[in-house]
């Protein structure tokens, strides 16, 4: 099942560190099968607030996502970003093929009626 890393970033200070980070991040992703799915587009907020931008990376699975984030290569460049851009980063599983939200609803109904 694919896994994703999502970063909600705000207050960027684009400078030499950020440019170096951007130039080097791709090489840190490749050994773990990671790829950019979304990288800082303008967002269309429909509910709530969303200050900043979003980055989404995809990995073959959660183990590879964690291995990338914890890798010496990524940890070496991470401070180049975190010193100059505020944000939150999370790693989470995607859904597998054939996912049906109706089955999730049925399971939640069954839990609620038995509890």
C-alpha atoms as a PDB file:
ATOM      1  CA  UNK A   1       0.000   0.000   0.000  1.00  0.00           C
ATOM      2  CA  UNK A   2       1.458   3.404  -0.867  1.00  0.00           C
ATOM      3  CA  UNK A   3       2.376   5.830   1.881  1.00  0.00           C
ATOM      4  CA  UNK A   4       2.626   9.581   1.717  1.00  0.00           C
ATOM      5  CA  UNK A   5       4.589  12.335   3.375  1.00  0.00           C
ATOM      6  CA  UNK A   6       2.732  15.626   3.549  1.00  0.00           C
ATOM      7  CA  UNK A   7       4.243  18.943   4.528  1.00  0.00           C
ATOM      8  CA  UNK A   8       2.149  22.030   5.246  1.00  0.00           C
ATOM      9  CA  UNK A   9       4.636  24.866   4.892  1.00  0.00           C
ATOM     10  CA  UNK A  10       4.296  28.569   5.566  1.00  0.00           C
ATOM     11  CA  UNK A  11       6.354  31.733   6.002  1.00  0.00           C
ATOM     12  CA  UNK A  12       9.044  30.709   3.525  1.00  0.00           C
ATOM     13  CA  UNK A  13      12.269  32.659   3.366  1.00  0.00           C
ATOM     14  CA  UNK A  14      13.727  31.722   0.008  1.00  0.00           C
ATOM     15  CA  UNK A  15      17.499  31.954   0.204  1.00  0.00           C
ATOM     16  CA  UNK A  16      20.624  29.959  -0.656  1.00  0.00           C
ATOM     17  CA  UNK A  17      19.836  27.245   1.944  1.00  0.00           C
ATOM     18  CA  UNK A  18      16.360  26.671   0.464  1.00  0.00           C
ATOM     19  CA  UNK A  19      17.712  26.558  -3.069  1.00  0.00           C
ATOM     20  CA  UNK A  20      20.362  24.019  -2.005  1.00  0.00           C
ATOM     21  CA  UNK A  21      17.668  21.933  -0.254  1.00  0.00           C
ATOM     22  CA  UNK A  22      15.564  21.923  -3.429  1.00  0.00           C
ATOM     23  CA  UNK A  23      18.556  20.957  -5.537  1.00  0.00           C
ATOM     24  CA  UNK A  24      19.451  18.030  -3.257  1.00  0.00           C
ATOM     25  CA  UNK A  25      16.117  16.542  -2.129  1.00  0.00           C
ATOM     26  CA  UNK A  26      15.444  14.461  -5.252  1.00  0.00           C
ATOM     27  CA  UNK A  27      18.609  12.419  -4.713  1.00  0.00           C
ATOM     28  CA  UNK A  28      17.444  11.606  -1.155  1.00  0.00           C
ATOM     29  CA  UNK A  29      14.086  10.289  -2.424  1.00  0.00           C
ATOM     30  CA  UNK A  30      15.295   7.988  -5.197  1.00  0.00           C
ATOM     31  CA  UNK A  31      16.816   5.188  -3.031  1.00  0.00           C
ATOM     32  CA  UNK A  32      13.453   4.823  -1.256  1.00  0.00           C
ATOM     33  CA  UNK A  33      11.179   4.924  -4.315  1.00  0.00           C
ATOM     34  CA  UNK A  34       9.905   8.372  -3.328  1.00  0.00           C
ATOM     35  CA  UNK A  35       8.508  10.903  -5.735  1.00  0.00           C
ATOM     36  CA  UNK A  36       6.848  14.298  -5.646  1.00  0.00           C
ATOM     37  CA  UNK A  37       3.085  14.153  -6.188  1.00  0.00           C
ATOM     38  CA  UNK A  38       2.401  17.793  -5.241  1.00  0.00           C
ATOM     39  CA  UNK A  39       4.930  20.586  -4.785  1.00  0.00           C
ATOM     40  CA  UNK A  40       3.691  23.953  -3.593  1.00  0.00           C
ATOM     41  CA  UNK A  41       0.773  24.772  -5.872  1.00  0.00           C
ATOM     42  CA  UNK A  42      -1.609  27.618  -5.229  1.00  0.00           C
ATOM     43  CA  UNK A  43      -4.460  26.046  -3.266  1.00  0.00           C
ATOM     44  CA  UNK A  44      -8.178  26.703  -3.588  1.00  0.00           C
ATOM     45  CA  UNK A  45      -9.450  26.688   0.010  1.00  0.00           C
ATOM     46  CA  UNK A  46     -13.053  25.432   0.170  1.00  0.00           C
ATOM     47  CA  UNK A  47     -13.385  24.863   3.918  1.00  0.00           C
ATOM     48  CA  UNK A  48     -11.472  26.281   6.856  1.00  0.00           C
ATOM     49  CA  UNK A  49      -8.147  28.025   6.509  1.00  0.00           C
ATOM     50  CA  UNK A  50      -4.976  26.947   4.761  1.00  0.00           C
ATOM     51  CA  UNK A  51      -2.188  29.453   5.097  1.00  0.00           C
ATOM     52  CA  UNK A  52       0.873  28.405   3.163  1.00  0.00           C
ATOM     53  CA  UNK A  53       1.598  25.695   0.661  1.00  0.00           C
ATOM     54  CA  UNK A  54       1.500  21.917   0.508  1.00  0.00           C
ATOM     55  CA  UNK A  55       3.995  19.262  -0.562  1.00  0.00           C
ATOM     56  CA  UNK A  56       3.039  15.602  -0.967  1.00  0.00           C
ATOM     57  CA  UNK A  57       5.541  12.820  -1.569  1.00  0.00           C
ATOM     58  CA  UNK A  58       4.583   9.245  -2.419  1.00  0.00           C
ATOM     59  CA  UNK A  59       6.497   6.121  -1.371  1.00  0.00           C
ATOM     60  CA  UNK A  60       5.885   2.427  -2.046  1.00  0.00           C
ATOM     61  CA  UNK A  61       4.986   1.897   1.625  1.00  0.00           C
ATOM     62  CA  UNK A  62       5.269   3.452   5.085  1.00  0.00           C
ATOM     63  CA  UNK A  63       8.546   1.654   5.822  1.00  0.00           C
ATOM     64  CA  UNK A  64      10.189   3.330   2.816  1.00  0.00           C
ATOM     65  CA  UNK A  65       8.744   6.738   3.799  1.00  0.00           C
ATOM     66  CA  UNK A  66      10.195   6.423   7.297  1.00  0.00           C
ATOM     67  CA  UNK A  67      13.506   5.132   5.959  1.00  0.00           C
ATOM     68  CA  UNK A  68      13.761   8.179   3.660  1.00  0.00           C
ATOM     69  CA  UNK A  69      12.901  10.692   6.397  1.00  0.00           C
ATOM     70  CA  UNK A  70      15.345   9.098   8.848  1.00  0.00           C
ATOM     71  CA  UNK A  71      18.104   8.603   6.263  1.00  0.00           C
ATOM     72  CA  UNK A  72      21.425  10.367   6.813  1.00  0.00           C
ATOM     73  CA  UNK A  73      21.124  11.974   3.368  1.00  0.00           C
ATOM     74  CA  UNK A  74      17.761  13.611   4.165  1.00  0.00           C
ATOM     75  CA  UNK A  75      18.643  14.479   7.752  1.00  0.00           C
ATOM     76  CA  UNK A  76      21.723  16.275   6.430  1.00  0.00           C
ATOM     77  CA  UNK A  77      19.647  18.661   4.275  1.00  0.00           C
ATOM     78  CA  UNK A  78      16.536  18.944   6.480  1.00  0.00           C
ATOM     79  CA  UNK A  79      17.882  21.865   8.559  1.00  0.00           C
ATOM     80  CA  UNK A  80      18.332  23.842   5.343  1.00  0.00           C
ATOM     81  CA  UNK A  81      14.518  23.903   5.129  1.00  0.00           C
ATOM     82  CA  UNK A  82      13.491  23.952   8.778  1.00  0.00           C
ATOM     83  CA  UNK A  83      15.657  26.980   9.569  1.00  0.00           C
ATOM     84  CA  UNK A  84      13.833  29.049   6.945  1.00  0.00           C
ATOM     85  CA  UNK A  85      10.315  27.635   6.489  1.00  0.00           C
ATOM     86  CA  UNK A  86       7.795  26.939   9.254  1.00  0.00           C
ATOM     87  CA  UNK A  87       5.622  23.892   8.866  1.00  0.00           C
ATOM     88  CA  UNK A  88       4.303  20.519   9.856  1.00  0.00           C
ATOM     89  CA  UNK A  89       5.236  17.195   8.240  1.00  0.00           C
ATOM     90  CA  UNK A  90       3.363  13.915   8.582  1.00  0.00           C
ATOM     91  CA  UNK A  91       3.650  10.403   7.131  1.00  0.00           C
ATOM     92  CA  UNK A  92       0.551   8.294   6.545  1.00  0.00           C
ATOM     93  CA  UNK A  93      -0.744   5.292   4.617  1.00  0.00           C
ATOM     94  CA  UNK A  94      -2.850   5.624   1.519  1.00  0.00           C
ATOM     95  CA  UNK A  95      -5.717   3.303   0.709  1.00  0.00           C
ATOM     96  CA  UNK A  96      -5.317   0.081  -1.195  1.00  0.00           C
ATOM     97  CA  UNK A  97      -6.934  -0.906  -4.461  1.00  0.00           C
ATOM     98  CA  UNK A  98     -10.661  -1.405  -4.209  1.00  0.00           C
ATOM     99  CA  UNK A  99     -11.052   0.800  -1.138  1.00  0.00           C
ATOM    100  CA  UNK A 100     -14.754   1.410  -0.456  1.00  0.00           C
ATOM    101  CA  UNK A 101     -15.764   4.086   2.079  1.00  0.00           C
ATOM    102  CA  UNK A 102     -19.129   2.345   2.407  1.00  0.00           C
ATOM    103  CA  UNK A 103     -17.388  -0.634   4.023  1.00  0.00           C
ATOM    104  CA  UNK A 104     -15.696   1.751   6.453  1.00  0.00           C
ATOM    105  CA  UNK A 105     -19.097   3.227   7.317  1.00  0.00           C
ATOM    106  CA  UNK A 106     -20.533  -0.271   7.854  1.00  0.00           C
ATOM    107  CA  UNK A 107     -17.675  -1.202  10.177  1.00  0.00           C
ATOM    108  CA  UNK A 108     -18.120   2.017  12.158  1.00  0.00           C
ATOM    109  CA  UNK A 109     -21.890   1.369  12.410  1.00  0.00           C
ATOM    110  CA  UNK A 110     -21.204  -2.149  13.694  1.00  0.00           C
ATOM    111  CA  UNK A 111     -18.740  -0.811  16.282  1.00  0.00           C
ATOM    112  CA  UNK A 112     -21.178   1.850  17.446  1.00  0.00           C
ATOM    113  CA  UNK A 113     -24.057  -0.617  17.831  1.00  0.00           C
ATOM    114  CA  UNK A 114     -21.957  -3.139  19.760  1.00  0.00           C
ATOM    115  CA  UNK A 115     -20.402  -0.606  22.111  1.00  0.00           C
END
